C-alpha atoms as a PDB file:
ATOM      1  CA  UNK A   1      -5.461  24.168   6.588  1.00  0.00           C
ATOM      2  CA  UNK A   2      -8.584  25.082   4.636  1.00  0.00           C
ATOM      3  CA  UNK A   3     -11.558  23.559   3.453  1.00  0.00           C
ATOM      4  CA  UNK A   4     -10.442  23.522   0.160  1.00  0.00           C
ATOM      5  CA  UNK A   5      -7.148  22.252   0.037  1.00  0.00           C
ATOM      6  CA  UNK A   6      -8.710  19.389   2.518  1.00  0.00           C
ATOM      7  CA  UNK A   7     -10.632  18.727  -0.106  1.00  0.00           C
ATOM      8  CA  UNK A   8      -8.073  18.758  -2.703  1.00  0.00           C
ATOM      9  CA  UNK A   9      -5.462  16.748  -1.404  1.00  0.00           C
ATOM     10  CA  UNK A  10      -8.182  13.781  -0.096  1.00  0.00           C
ATOM     11  CA  UNK A  11      -8.950  13.719  -3.803  1.00  0.00           C
ATOM     12  CA  UNK A  12      -5.068  13.071  -4.306  1.00  0.00           C
ATOM     13  CA  UNK A  13      -5.178  10.431  -1.409  1.00  0.00           C
ATOM     14  CA  UNK A  14      -8.220   8.684  -3.228  1.00  0.00           C
ATOM     15  CA  UNK A  15      -6.583   8.539  -6.584  1.00  0.00           C
ATOM     16  CA  UNK A  16      -2.956   7.721  -4.972  1.00  0.00           C
ATOM     17  CA  UNK A  17      -4.718   4.260  -3.335  1.00  0.00           C
ATOM     18  CA  UNK A  18      -6.910   3.172  -6.763  1.00  0.00           C
ATOM     19  CA  UNK A  19      -3.340   3.582  -8.108  1.00  0.00           C
ATOM     20  CA  UNK A  20      -1.417   1.961  -5.695  1.00  0.00           C
ATOM     21  CA  UNK A  21      -3.989  -0.755  -5.682  1.00  0.00           C
ATOM     22  CA  UNK A  22      -4.065  -1.177  -9.044  1.00  0.00           C
ATOM     23  CA  UNK A  23      -0.346  -1.670  -8.923  1.00  0.00           C
ATOM     24  CA  UNK A  24      -0.924  -4.245  -6.160  1.00  0.00           C
ATOM     25  CA  UNK A  25      -3.651  -6.199  -8.429  1.00  0.00           C
ATOM     26  CA  UNK A  26      -0.830  -6.350 -11.437  1.00  0.00           C
ATOM     27  CA  UNK A  27       1.483  -8.048  -9.301  1.00  0.00           C
ATOM     28  CA  UNK A  28      -1.065 -10.498  -7.977  1.00  0.00           C
ATOM     29  CA  UNK A  29      -2.150 -11.373 -11.445  1.00  0.00           C
ATOM     30  CA  UNK A  30       1.500 -11.277 -12.782  1.00  0.00           C
ATOM     31  CA  UNK A  31       2.059 -14.077 -10.096  1.00  0.00           C
ATOM     32  CA  UNK A  32       5.023 -12.492  -9.136  1.00  0.00           C
ATOM     33  CA  UNK A  33       3.635 -11.691  -5.232  1.00  0.00           C
ATOM     34  CA  UNK A  34       2.573  -8.652  -3.633  1.00  0.00           C
ATOM     35  CA  UNK A  35       3.998  -6.400  -1.198  1.00  0.00           C
ATOM     36  CA  UNK A  36       4.561  -8.387   2.433  1.00  0.00           C
ATOM     37  CA  UNK A  37       0.873  -6.149   3.821  1.00  0.00           C
ATOM     38  CA  UNK A  38      -1.358  -7.472   1.056  1.00  0.00           C
ATOM     39  CA  UNK A  39       0.363 -10.899   1.146  1.00  0.00           C
ATOM     40  CA  UNK A  40      -0.448 -11.618   4.688  1.00  0.00           C
ATOM     41  CA  UNK A  41      -4.278 -10.052   4.355  1.00  0.00           C
ATOM     42  CA  UNK A  42      -4.920 -12.433   0.892  1.00  0.00           C
ATOM     43  CA  UNK A  43      -3.154 -15.347   2.845  1.00  0.00           C
ATOM     44  CA  UNK A  44      -5.201 -15.024   6.502  1.00  0.00           C
ATOM     45  CA  UNK A  45      -8.669 -14.013   4.595  1.00  0.00           C
ATOM     46  CA  UNK A  46      -8.542 -16.993   2.592  1.00  0.00           C
ATOM     47  CA  UNK A  47      -8.195 -19.139   5.826  1.00  0.00           C
ATOM     48  CA  UNK A  48     -11.438 -17.140   7.457  1.00  0.00           C
ATOM     49  CA  UNK A  49     -13.247 -17.257   3.570  1.00  0.00           C
ATOM     50  CA  UNK A  50     -13.094 -13.861   3.722  1.00  0.00           C
ATOM     51  CA  UNK A  51     -12.429 -11.513   0.656  1.00  0.00           C
ATOM     52  CA  UNK A  52      -9.015  -9.268   0.941  1.00  0.00           C
ATOM     53  CA  UNK A  53     -10.934  -5.837   1.506  1.00  0.00           C
ATOM     54  CA  UNK A  54     -13.612  -7.191   3.777  1.00  0.00           C
ATOM     55  CA  UNK A  55     -10.396  -8.928   6.316  1.00  0.00           C
ATOM     56  CA  UNK A  56      -8.148  -5.826   5.462  1.00  0.00           C
ATOM     57  CA  UNK A  57     -10.187  -3.732   6.772  1.00  0.00           C
ATOM     58  CA  UNK A  58     -11.179  -5.521   9.937  1.00  0.00           C
ATOM     59  CA  UNK A  59      -7.060  -5.722  10.432  1.00  0.00           C
ATOM     60  CA  UNK A  60      -6.888  -1.876   9.442  1.00  0.00           C
ATOM     61  CA  UNK A  61      -9.625  -1.033  12.202  1.00  0.00           C
ATOM     62  CA  UNK A  62      -7.389  -2.699  15.085  1.00  0.00           C
ATOM     63  CA  UNK A  63      -3.862  -1.191  13.984  1.00  0.00           C
ATOM     64  CA  UNK A  64      -5.756   2.172  13.747  1.00  0.00           C
ATOM     65  CA  UNK A  65      -6.789   1.659  17.212  1.00  0.00           C
ATOM     66  CA  UNK A  66      -3.010   1.185  18.733  1.00  0.00           C
ATOM     67  CA  UNK A  67      -2.011   3.631  16.401  1.00  0.00           C
ATOM     68  CA  UNK A  68      -4.868   6.250  18.208  1.00  0.00           C
ATOM     69  CA  UNK A  69      -3.429   5.082  21.768  1.00  0.00           C
ATOM     70  CA  UNK A  70       0.455   5.482  20.581  1.00  0.00           C
ATOM     71  CA  UNK A  71       0.607   7.537  17.980  1.00  0.00           C
ATOM     72  CA  UNK A  72      -2.485   9.418  16.889  1.00  0.00           C
ATOM     73  CA  UNK A  73      -0.542  12.117  14.922  1.00  0.00           C
ATOM     74  CA  UNK A  74       0.154   9.762  12.299  1.00  0.00           C
ATOM     75  CA  UNK A  75      -3.796   9.520  11.265  1.00  0.00           C
ATOM     76  CA  UNK A  76      -5.765  11.741   9.264  1.00  0.00           C
ATOM     77  CA  UNK A  77      -8.346  11.627   6.760  1.00  0.00           C
ATOM     78  CA  UNK A  78      -6.153   9.699   4.520  1.00  0.00           C
ATOM     79  CA  UNK A  79      -5.436   6.742   6.680  1.00  0.00           C
ATOM     80  CA  UNK A  80      -9.229   6.145   6.521  1.00  0.00           C
ATOM     81  CA  UNK A  81      -9.049   6.506   2.825  1.00  0.00           C
ATOM     82  CA  UNK A  82      -6.427   3.843   2.287  1.00  0.00           C
ATOM     83  CA  UNK A  83      -7.283   1.728   4.982  1.00  0.00           C
ATOM     84  CA  UNK A  84     -11.423   1.331   3.735  1.00  0.00           C
ATOM     85  CA  UNK A  85     -10.738   1.743   0.259  1.00  0.00           C
ATOM     86  CA  UNK A  86      -7.632  -0.148  -0.827  1.00  0.00           C
ATOM     87  CA  UNK A  87      -8.316  -3.738  -0.127  1.00  0.00           C
ATOM     88  CA  UNK A  88     -11.519  -3.563  -2.005  1.00  0.00           C
ATOM     89  CA  UNK A  89      -9.832  -1.791  -4.791  1.00  0.00           C
ATOM     90  CA  UNK A  90      -7.789  -4.838  -5.131  1.00  0.00           C
ATOM     91  CA  UNK A  91     -10.981  -6.843  -5.240  1.00  0.00           C
ATOM     92  CA  UNK A  92     -12.326  -4.877  -7.857  1.00  0.00           C
ATOM     93  CA  UNK A  93      -9.116  -4.801  -9.736  1.00  0.00           C
ATOM     94  CA  UNK A  94      -9.195  -8.155  -9.538  1.00  0.00           C
ATOM     95  CA  UNK A  95     -12.312  -9.519 -10.754  1.00  0.00           C
ATOM     96  CA  UNK A  96     -12.198  -7.270 -14.143  1.00  0.00           C
ATOM     97  CA  UNK A  97      -8.483  -8.531 -14.752  1.00  0.00           C
ATOM     98  CA  UNK A  98     -10.189 -11.840 -14.602  1.00  0.00           C
ATOM     99  CA  UNK A  99     -13.137 -11.754 -16.457  1.00  0.00           C
ATOM    100  CA  UNK A 100     -10.772  -9.998 -19.234  1.00  0.00           C
ATOM    101  CA  UNK A 101      -8.237 -12.927 -19.048  1.00  0.00           C
ATOM    102  CA  UNK A 102      -5.348 -10.093 -18.117  1.00  0.00           C
ATOM    103  CA  UNK A 103      -2.965 -13.214 -15.712  1.00  0.00           C
ATOM    104  CA  UNK A 104       0.529 -13.620 -16.513  1.00  0.00           C
ATOM    105  CA  UNK A 105       1.066 -16.886 -18.413  1.00  0.00           C
ATOM    106  CA  UNK A 106       4.781 -16.498 -19.295  1.00  0.00           C
ATOM    107  CA  UNK A 107       8.205 -15.619 -17.821  1.00  0.00           C
ATOM    108  CA  UNK A 108       7.794 -12.538 -20.261  1.00  0.00           C
ATOM    109  CA  UNK A 109       4.798 -11.556 -19.187  1.00  0.00           C
ATOM    110  CA  UNK A 110       5.097 -11.510 -15.564  1.00  0.00           C
ATOM    111  CA  UNK A 111       8.510  -9.763 -16.137  1.00  0.00           C
ATOM    112  CA  UNK A 112       6.295  -6.724 -17.853  1.00  0.00           C
ATOM    113  CA  UNK A 113       3.466  -7.536 -15.357  1.00  0.00           C
ATOM    114  CA  UNK A 114       6.511  -7.046 -12.269  1.00  0.00           C
ATOM    115  CA  UNK A 115       7.898  -3.440 -14.017  1.00  0.00           C
ATOM    116  CA  UNK A 116       4.313  -1.847 -14.420  1.00  0.00           C
ATOM    117  CA  UNK A 117       2.844  -3.100 -11.098  1.00  0.00           C
ATOM    118  CA  UNK A 118       6.040  -2.345  -8.949  1.00  0.00           C
ATOM    119  CA  UNK A 119       5.895   1.458 -10.996  1.00  0.00           C
ATOM    120  CA  UNK A 120       2.119   1.683 -10.399  1.00  0.00           C
ATOM    121  CA  UNK A 121       2.260   0.444  -6.952  1.00  0.00           C
ATOM    122  CA  UNK A 122       5.267   3.006  -6.208  1.00  0.00           C
ATOM    123  CA  UNK A 123       3.059   6.108  -8.168  1.00  0.00           C
ATOM    124  CA  UNK A 124       0.132   5.565  -5.937  1.00  0.00           C
ATOM    125  CA  UNK A 125       2.009   5.243  -2.864  1.00  0.00           C
ATOM    126  CA  UNK A 126       3.725   8.540  -3.809  1.00  0.00           C
ATOM    127  CA  UNK A 127       0.598  10.645  -4.193  1.00  0.00           C
ATOM    128  CA  UNK A 128      -1.311   9.007  -1.230  1.00  0.00           C
ATOM    129  CA  UNK A 129       1.500   9.686   1.220  1.00  0.00           C
ATOM    130  CA  UNK A 130       2.107  12.965  -0.579  1.00  0.00           C
ATOM    131  CA  UNK A 131      -0.800  14.334  -0.210  1.00  0.00           C
ATOM    132  CA  UNK A 132      -0.035  14.269   3.820  1.00  0.00           C
ATOM    133  CA  UNK A 133      -3.337  13.611   5.403  1.00  0.00           C
ATOM    134  CA  UNK A 134      -1.806  11.107   7.846  1.00  0.00           C
ATOM    135  CA  UNK A 135      -0.439   6.905   6.624  1.00  0.00           C
ATOM    136  CA  UNK A 136      -1.974   3.876   6.469  1.00  0.00           C
ATOM    137  CA  UNK A 137      -2.483   1.719  10.006  1.00  0.00           C
ATOM    138  CA  UNK A 138       0.695  -0.188   8.235  1.00  0.00           C
ATOM    139  CA  UNK A 139       2.405   2.738   7.684  1.00  0.00           C
ATOM    140  CA  UNK A 140       2.005   4.195  10.146  1.00  0.00           C
ATOM    141  CA  UNK A 141       3.188   1.125  12.789  1.00  0.00           C
ATOM    142  CA  UNK A 142       7.145   2.035  12.333  1.00  0.00           C
ATOM    143  CA  UNK A 143       7.261   5.765  12.588  1.00  0.00           C
ATOM    144  CA  UNK A 144       5.173   4.852  16.365  1.00  0.00           C
ATOM    145  CA  UNK A 145       7.860   2.232  17.165  1.00  0.00           C
ATOM    146  CA  UNK A 146      10.810   4.314  15.542  1.00  0.00           C
ATOM    147  CA  UNK A 147       8.815   7.217  17.992  1.00  0.00           C
ATOM    148  CA  UNK A 148       8.321   4.872  21.317  1.00  0.00           C
ATOM    149  CA  UNK A 149      12.250   2.958  21.240  1.00  0.00           C
ATOM    150  CA  UNK A 150      14.421   5.683  19.253  1.00  0.00           C
ATOM    151  CA  UNK A 151      15.147   3.045  16.807  1.00  0.00           C
ATOM    152  CA  UNK A 152      16.387   3.591  12.951  1.00  0.00           C
ATOM    153  CA  UNK A 153      13.096   4.049  10.761  1.00  0.00           C
ATOM    154  CA  UNK A 154      15.225   1.516   8.148  1.00  0.00           C
ATOM    155  CA  UNK A 155      15.960  -1.592  10.327  1.00  0.00           C
ATOM    156  CA  UNK A 156      12.577  -1.437  12.059  1.00  0.00           C
ATOM    157  CA  UNK A 157      10.704  -1.063   8.893  1.00  0.00           C
ATOM    158  CA  UNK A 158      12.540  -3.656   7.172  1.00  0.00           C
ATOM    159  CA  UNK A 159      12.195  -6.512  10.393  1.00  0.00           C
ATOM    160  CA  UNK A 160       8.131  -5.064  10.108  1.00  0.00           C
ATOM    161  CA  UNK A 161       8.117  -5.963   6.371  1.00  0.00           C
ATOM    162  CA  UNK A 162      10.565  -9.275   6.988  1.00  0.00           C
ATOM    163  CA  UNK A 163       7.731 -10.549   9.654  1.00  0.00           C
ATOM    164  CA  UNK A 164       4.806  -9.937   7.586  1.00  0.00           C
ATOM    165  CA  UNK A 165       6.181 -11.660   4.630  1.00  0.00           C
ATOM    166  CA  UNK A 166       7.362 -14.704   6.765  1.00  0.00           C
ATOM    167  CA  UNK A 167       3.448 -14.926   7.752  1.00  0.00           C
ATOM    168  CA  UNK A 168       2.576 -14.678   4.673  1.00  0.00           C
ATOM    169  CA  UNK A 169       4.949 -17.480   3.478  1.00  0.00           C
ATOM    170  CA  UNK A 170       3.519 -19.859   6.208  1.00  0.00           C
ATOM    171  CA  UNK A 171       0.035 -19.188   5.049  1.00  0.00           C
ATOM    172  CA  UNK A 172      -0.002 -19.686   1.370  1.00  0.00           C
ATOM    173  CA  UNK A 173       0.317 -16.391   0.525  1.00  0.00           C
ATOM    174  CA  UNK A 174       1.085 -14.848  -2.663  1.00  0.00           C
ATOM    175  CA  UNK A 175       5.120 -14.392  -1.936  1.00  0.00           C
ATOM    176  CA  UNK A 176       7.607 -13.587  -4.863  1.00  0.00           C
ATOM    177  CA  UNK A 177      10.110 -11.451  -6.203  1.00  0.00           C
ATOM    178  CA  UNK A 178       7.570  -9.030  -5.991  1.00  0.00           C
ATOM    179  CA  UNK A 179       7.289  -8.873  -2.845  1.00  0.00           C
ATOM    180  CA  UNK A 180      10.839  -8.498  -1.491  1.00  0.00           C
ATOM    181  CA  UNK A 181      11.310  -5.399  -4.410  1.00  0.00           C
ATOM    182  CA  UNK A 182       8.079  -4.239  -2.750  1.00  0.00           C
ATOM    183  CA  UNK A 183       9.774  -4.308   0.705  1.00  0.00           C
ATOM    184  CA  UNK A 184      13.058  -3.023  -0.178  1.00  0.00           C
ATOM    185  CA  UNK A 185      13.578  -1.621  -3.530  1.00  0.00           C
ATOM    186  CA  UNK A 186      10.479   0.789  -3.696  1.00  0.00           C
ATOM    187  CA  UNK A 187      11.926   3.539  -1.504  1.00  0.00           C
ATOM    188  CA  UNK A 188      13.531   5.179  -4.603  1.00  0.00           C
ATOM    189  CA  UNK A 189      10.667   4.874  -7.042  1.00  0.00           C
ATOM    190  CA  UNK A 190       8.413   6.778  -4.313  1.00  0.00           C
ATOM    191  CA  UNK A 191      11.158   9.182  -3.736  1.00  0.00           C
ATOM    192  CA  UNK A 192      11.475   9.824  -7.819  1.00  0.00           C
ATOM    193  CA  UNK A 193       7.827  10.358  -8.112  1.00  0.00           C
ATOM    194  CA  UNK A 194       7.512  12.607  -4.996  1.00  0.00           C
ATOM    195  CA  UNK A 195      10.294  14.948  -6.885  1.00  0.00           C
ATOM    196  CA  UNK A 196       8.977  14.576 -10.160  1.00  0.00           C
ATOM    197  CA  UNK A 197       5.191  14.193  -9.817  1.00  0.00           C
ATOM    198  CA  UNK A 198       3.334  14.155  -6.982  1.00  0.00           C
ATOM    199  CA  UNK A 199       4.941  17.659  -4.945  1.00  0.00           C
ATOM    200  CA  UNK A 200       4.966  19.283  -7.923  1.00  0.00           C
ATOM    201  CA  UNK A 201       1.586  18.421  -8.160  1.00  0.00           C
ATOM    202  CA  UNK A 202       0.507  18.748  -4.972  1.00  0.00           C
ATOM    203  CA  UNK A 203       2.282  22.192  -4.450  1.00  0.00           C
ATOM    204  CA  UNK A 204       0.679  23.688  -7.790  1.00  0.00           C
ATOM    205  CA  UNK A 205      -2.948  22.794  -6.651  1.00  0.00           C
ATOM    206  CA  UNK A 206      -2.536  23.957  -3.150  1.00  0.00           C
ATOM    207  CA  UNK A 207      -0.824  27.502  -4.062  1.00  0.00           C
ATOM    208  CA  UNK A 208       2.074  26.379  -2.266  1.00  0.00           C
END
């Protein structure tokens, strides 16, 4: 992979993380629950008086060290982009949504925010992962466990997401239907965007 291709893929990963964070913020302001990892970090960050961006970065660094020791093949530029920027993007978008008073106030708005949020989250995830520059620390946990144990990925990932959802619930994080959709149903959406958008765009831009 030459420097030009790395630059293109890095930009795609950056755009993906920005869109993913916008989707997460839409879910947050829709009050329908966020993905398990973000929900947990919001809950625990508030307990320590820290913003999501700061707290999530701290947790990501800890997870990254463990992943580096156990499975550094999953680490790349995309890992750094996601771990450093995702939380801060969500903080930034949340401030904008709040200033513009873009907050769901009834069930119909919540449904709209849920649909838009899930689609944006899935599309962003597809882009950042499709750049193939490494997984986010949280996303690398399950593959590393699979490599070490031989257990089925789907089972490990569900256990991981459910565990974080329980922690978020215990500490008062934003858990809702969006959390469970993120945990169980975003896969098909990500696969759809992979086939229809991400792979064709990445292949076109990198001349594959």
